[in-house]
Amino acid sequence: MSKTKQDYLNDLVLIAFRMDEKANRQHERTKKIQRMASLAKQGLKDTEDFKRLDMEYRHPTVTDFGNEMSDLQRVVKQLKRYKWE
């Protein structure tokens, strides 16, 4: 059975939710790294808070939106086939 316009819109919403979740995780990570930088600037590198953050964020990680972008492009391509007002 072929997908309908509504099915594609539903897919689009699910993709948006996944992207939002990743963006929220990235934002939380950024806030914690900023907290760690603030502690370092204040000369508080010996505190437990700094050491915990340093252990957690010592190695860089990348938030990959590649799968979501591929899915988004696929769904948008299908949605372009429909007439929009």
N, C-alpha and C. Protein backbone atom coordinates (compact mmCIF):
# COMPACT_ATOMS: atom_id res chain seq x y z
N MET A 1 0.83 -1.17 0.00
CA MET A 1 0.00 0.00 0.00
C MET A 1 0.89 1.25 0.00
N SER A 2 0.55 2.19 -0.80
CA SER A 2 1.31 3.42 -0.96
C SER A 2 1.03 4.39 0.20
N LYS A 3 2.03 5.17 0.53
CA LYS A 3 1.86 6.14 1.60
C LYS A 3 1.04 7.33 1.12
N THR A 4 0.28 7.88 2.04
CA THR A 4 -0.52 9.05 1.73
C THR A 4 0.22 10.32 2.17
N LYS A 5 -0.34 11.44 1.79
CA LYS A 5 0.23 12.72 2.20
C LYS A 5 0.32 12.81 3.72
N GLN A 6 -0.72 12.34 4.41
CA GLN A 6 -0.73 12.37 5.87
C GLN A 6 0.35 11.47 6.46
N ASP A 7 0.61 10.33 5.82
CA ASP A 7 1.68 9.44 6.29
C ASP A 7 3.03 10.15 6.22
N TYR A 8 3.26 10.87 5.13
CA TYR A 8 4.51 11.61 4.99
C TYR A 8 4.62 12.73 6.01
N LEU A 9 3.51 13.39 6.28
CA LEU A 9 3.51 14.44 7.30
C LEU A 9 3.80 13.85 8.68
N ASN A 10 3.24 12.69 8.95
CA ASN A 10 3.53 12.00 10.22
C ASN A 10 5.01 11.65 10.32
N ASP A 11 5.59 11.17 9.21
CA ASP A 11 7.02 10.87 9.19
C ASP A 11 7.84 12.12 9.47
N LEU A 12 7.39 13.23 8.87
CA LEU A 12 8.09 14.50 9.06
C LEU A 12 8.09 14.92 10.53
N VAL A 13 6.98 14.73 11.19
CA VAL A 13 6.88 15.07 12.62
C VAL A 13 7.82 14.18 13.44
N LEU A 14 7.87 12.91 13.15
CA LEU A 14 8.76 12.00 13.88
C LEU A 14 10.22 12.39 13.70
N ILE A 15 10.58 12.76 12.49
CA ILE A 15 11.95 13.20 12.22
C ILE A 15 12.25 14.47 13.02
N ALA A 16 11.30 15.39 13.03
CA ALA A 16 11.49 16.64 13.78
C ALA A 16 11.68 16.36 15.26
N PHE A 17 10.95 15.41 15.81
CA PHE A 17 11.10 15.05 17.23
C PHE A 17 12.48 14.47 17.50
N ARG A 18 12.97 13.61 16.60
CA ARG A 18 14.31 13.03 16.77
C ARG A 18 15.38 14.12 16.72
N MET A 19 15.23 15.06 15.77
CA MET A 19 16.20 16.15 15.66
C MET A 19 16.16 17.04 16.89
N ASP A 20 14.97 17.29 17.41
CA ASP A 20 14.82 18.11 18.60
C ASP A 20 15.48 17.45 19.80
N GLU A 21 15.32 16.15 19.93
CA GLU A 21 15.93 15.42 21.03
C GLU A 21 17.46 15.53 20.97
N LYS A 22 18.02 15.36 19.79
CA LYS A 22 19.47 15.48 19.64
C LYS A 22 19.94 16.90 19.93
N ALA A 23 19.19 17.89 19.48
CA ALA A 23 19.55 19.28 19.73
C ALA A 23 19.50 19.59 21.23
N ASN A 24 18.52 19.03 21.93
CA ASN A 24 18.43 19.23 23.38
C ASN A 24 19.62 18.60 24.10
N ARG A 25 20.02 17.41 23.67
CA ARG A 25 21.19 16.76 24.28
C ARG A 25 22.45 17.58 24.03
N GLN A 26 22.57 18.11 22.82
CA GLN A 26 23.72 18.93 22.47
C GLN A 26 23.73 20.21 23.32
N HIS A 27 22.57 20.80 23.53
CA HIS A 27 22.47 22.01 24.34
C HIS A 27 22.86 21.73 25.80
N GLU A 28 22.41 20.62 26.35
CA GLU A 28 22.77 20.26 27.73
C GLU A 28 24.28 20.04 27.85
N ARG A 29 24.85 19.38 26.87
CA ARG A 29 26.30 19.16 26.87
C ARG A 29 27.04 20.49 26.84
N THR A 30 26.58 21.41 26.00
CA THR A 30 27.22 22.73 25.90
C THR A 30 27.15 23.47 27.22
N LYS A 31 25.99 23.41 27.89
CA LYS A 31 25.86 24.08 29.19
C LYS A 31 26.85 23.52 30.20
N LYS A 32 27.04 22.21 30.22
CA LYS A 32 27.96 21.60 31.17
C LYS A 32 29.41 21.95 30.84
N ILE A 33 29.73 22.00 29.57
CA ILE A 33 31.10 22.38 29.18
C ILE A 33 31.35 23.84 29.54
N GLN A 34 30.35 24.69 29.38
CA GLN A 34 30.49 26.08 29.78
C GLN A 34 30.68 26.19 31.29
N ARG A 35 30.00 25.37 32.04
CA ARG A 35 30.16 25.34 33.50
C ARG A 35 31.58 24.93 33.86
N MET A 36 32.10 23.93 33.15
CA MET A 36 33.46 23.47 33.39
C MET A 36 34.46 24.58 33.07
N ALA A 37 34.25 25.30 31.98
CA ALA A 37 35.14 26.41 31.60
C ALA A 37 35.08 27.53 32.64
N SER A 38 33.90 27.78 33.16
CA SER A 38 33.74 28.81 34.18
C SER A 38 34.49 28.44 35.46
N LEU A 39 34.40 27.19 35.85
CA LEU A 39 35.14 26.72 37.04
C LEU A 39 36.64 26.85 36.82
N ALA A 40 37.11 26.49 35.63
CA ALA A 40 38.54 26.58 35.33
C ALA A 40 39.00 28.03 35.37
N LYS A 41 38.18 28.92 34.82
CA LYS A 41 38.53 30.35 34.80
C LYS A 41 38.62 30.92 36.21
N GLN A 42 37.78 30.39 37.12
CA GLN A 42 37.78 30.84 38.51
C GLN A 42 38.90 30.20 39.32
N GLY A 43 39.65 29.29 38.69
CA GLY A 43 40.74 28.62 39.39
C GLY A 43 40.26 27.49 40.28
N LEU A 44 39.11 26.92 39.96
CA LEU A 44 38.53 25.85 40.79
C LEU A 44 38.67 24.48 40.13
N LYS A 45 39.84 24.23 39.56
CA LYS A 45 40.06 22.95 38.88
C LYS A 45 40.18 21.77 39.85
N ASP A 46 40.37 22.06 41.11
CA ASP A 46 40.53 20.98 42.10
C ASP A 46 39.20 20.54 42.72
N THR A 47 38.11 21.17 42.35
CA THR A 47 36.82 20.82 42.94
C THR A 47 36.29 19.52 42.34
N GLU A 48 35.44 18.86 43.10
CA GLU A 48 34.83 17.62 42.63
C GLU A 48 33.97 17.85 41.39
N ASP A 49 33.27 18.97 41.37
CA ASP A 49 32.40 19.31 40.24
C ASP A 49 33.21 19.39 38.95
N PHE A 50 34.34 20.09 39.00
CA PHE A 50 35.18 20.22 37.82
C PHE A 50 35.75 18.87 37.40
N LYS A 51 36.23 18.10 38.37
CA LYS A 51 36.82 16.80 38.05
C LYS A 51 35.79 15.86 37.41
N ARG A 52 34.55 15.90 37.93
CA ARG A 52 33.49 15.05 37.36
C ARG A 52 33.19 15.47 35.92
N LEU A 53 33.08 16.78 35.71
CA LEU A 53 32.80 17.27 34.35
C LEU A 53 33.97 16.98 33.41
N ASP A 54 35.17 17.11 33.92
CA ASP A 54 36.35 16.84 33.10
C ASP A 54 36.40 15.38 32.67
N MET A 55 36.08 14.49 33.58
CA MET A 55 36.05 13.06 33.23
C MET A 55 34.97 12.77 32.18
N GLU A 56 33.84 13.42 32.35
CA GLU A 56 32.71 13.18 31.45
C GLU A 56 32.95 13.76 30.06
N TYR A 57 33.60 14.92 29.98
CA TYR A 57 33.73 15.62 28.70
C TYR A 57 35.16 15.76 28.22
N ARG A 58 36.03 14.92 28.70
CA ARG A 58 37.43 14.97 28.29
C ARG A 58 37.58 14.70 26.79
N HIS A 59 36.82 13.76 26.29
CA HIS A 59 36.92 13.39 24.88
C HIS A 59 35.77 14.04 24.10
N PRO A 60 36.09 14.69 23.00
CA PRO A 60 35.03 15.36 22.24
C PRO A 60 34.08 14.36 21.58
N THR A 61 32.84 14.74 21.51
CA THR A 61 31.85 13.94 20.80
C THR A 61 31.11 14.85 19.83
N VAL A 62 30.64 14.24 18.77
CA VAL A 62 29.93 14.98 17.73
C VAL A 62 28.48 14.55 17.73
N THR A 63 27.58 15.51 17.66
CA THR A 63 26.17 15.19 17.51
C THR A 63 25.89 15.08 16.02
N ASP A 64 25.58 13.89 15.59
CA ASP A 64 25.40 13.62 14.17
C ASP A 64 23.92 13.68 13.79
N PHE A 65 23.60 14.62 12.92
CA PHE A 65 22.24 14.74 12.42
C PHE A 65 22.12 14.11 11.03
N GLY A 66 23.12 13.35 10.62
CA GLY A 66 23.16 12.78 9.27
C GLY A 66 21.97 11.92 8.92
N ASN A 67 21.61 10.99 9.79
CA ASN A 67 20.48 10.11 9.51
C ASN A 67 19.18 10.89 9.43
N GLU A 68 19.02 11.83 10.33
CA GLU A 68 17.80 12.63 10.34
C GLU A 68 17.71 13.49 9.08
N MET A 69 18.84 14.04 8.65
CA MET A 69 18.84 14.87 7.45
C MET A 69 18.51 14.04 6.22
N SER A 70 19.03 12.83 6.16
CA SER A 70 18.71 11.94 5.03
C SER A 70 17.22 11.61 5.02
N ASP A 71 16.70 11.29 6.19
CA ASP A 71 15.27 10.99 6.30
C ASP A 71 14.43 12.20 5.94
N LEU A 72 14.86 13.37 6.40
CA LEU A 72 14.14 14.60 6.11
C LEU A 72 14.10 14.87 4.60
N GLN A 73 15.24 14.72 3.95
CA GLN A 73 15.29 14.95 2.51
C GLN A 73 14.40 13.96 1.75
N ARG A 74 14.39 12.72 2.21
CA ARG A 74 13.56 11.70 1.57
C ARG A 74 12.09 12.04 1.68
N VAL A 75 11.65 12.44 2.87
CA VAL A 75 10.24 12.76 3.10
C VAL A 75 9.85 14.04 2.35
N VAL A 76 10.73 15.05 2.38
CA VAL A 76 10.43 16.30 1.68
C VAL A 76 10.31 16.06 0.19
N LYS A 77 11.15 15.21 -0.34
CA LYS A 77 11.08 14.87 -1.77
C LYS A 77 9.71 14.30 -2.11
N GLN A 78 9.20 13.43 -1.25
CA GLN A 78 7.88 12.85 -1.48
C GLN A 78 6.78 13.89 -1.31
N LEU A 79 6.93 14.77 -0.34
CA LEU A 79 5.90 15.79 -0.09
C LEU A 79 5.83 16.82 -1.22
N LYS A 80 6.92 17.02 -1.93
CA LYS A 80 6.93 17.97 -3.04
C LYS A 80 6.02 17.50 -4.19
N ARG A 81 5.67 16.25 -4.19
CA ARG A 81 4.80 15.72 -5.23
C ARG A 81 3.35 16.17 -5.06
N TYR A 82 3.03 16.64 -3.87
CA TYR A 82 1.65 17.05 -3.58
C TYR A 82 1.48 18.55 -3.79
N LYS A 83 0.26 18.95 -4.06
CA LYS A 83 -0.05 20.36 -4.23
C LYS A 83 -0.21 21.01 -2.86
N TRP A 84 0.41 22.19 -2.69
CA TRP A 84 0.36 22.91 -1.42
C TRP A 84 -0.20 24.31 -1.69
N GLU A 85 -0.93 24.79 -0.74
CA GLU A 85 -1.52 26.14 -0.88
C GLU A 85 -0.71 27.16 -0.12
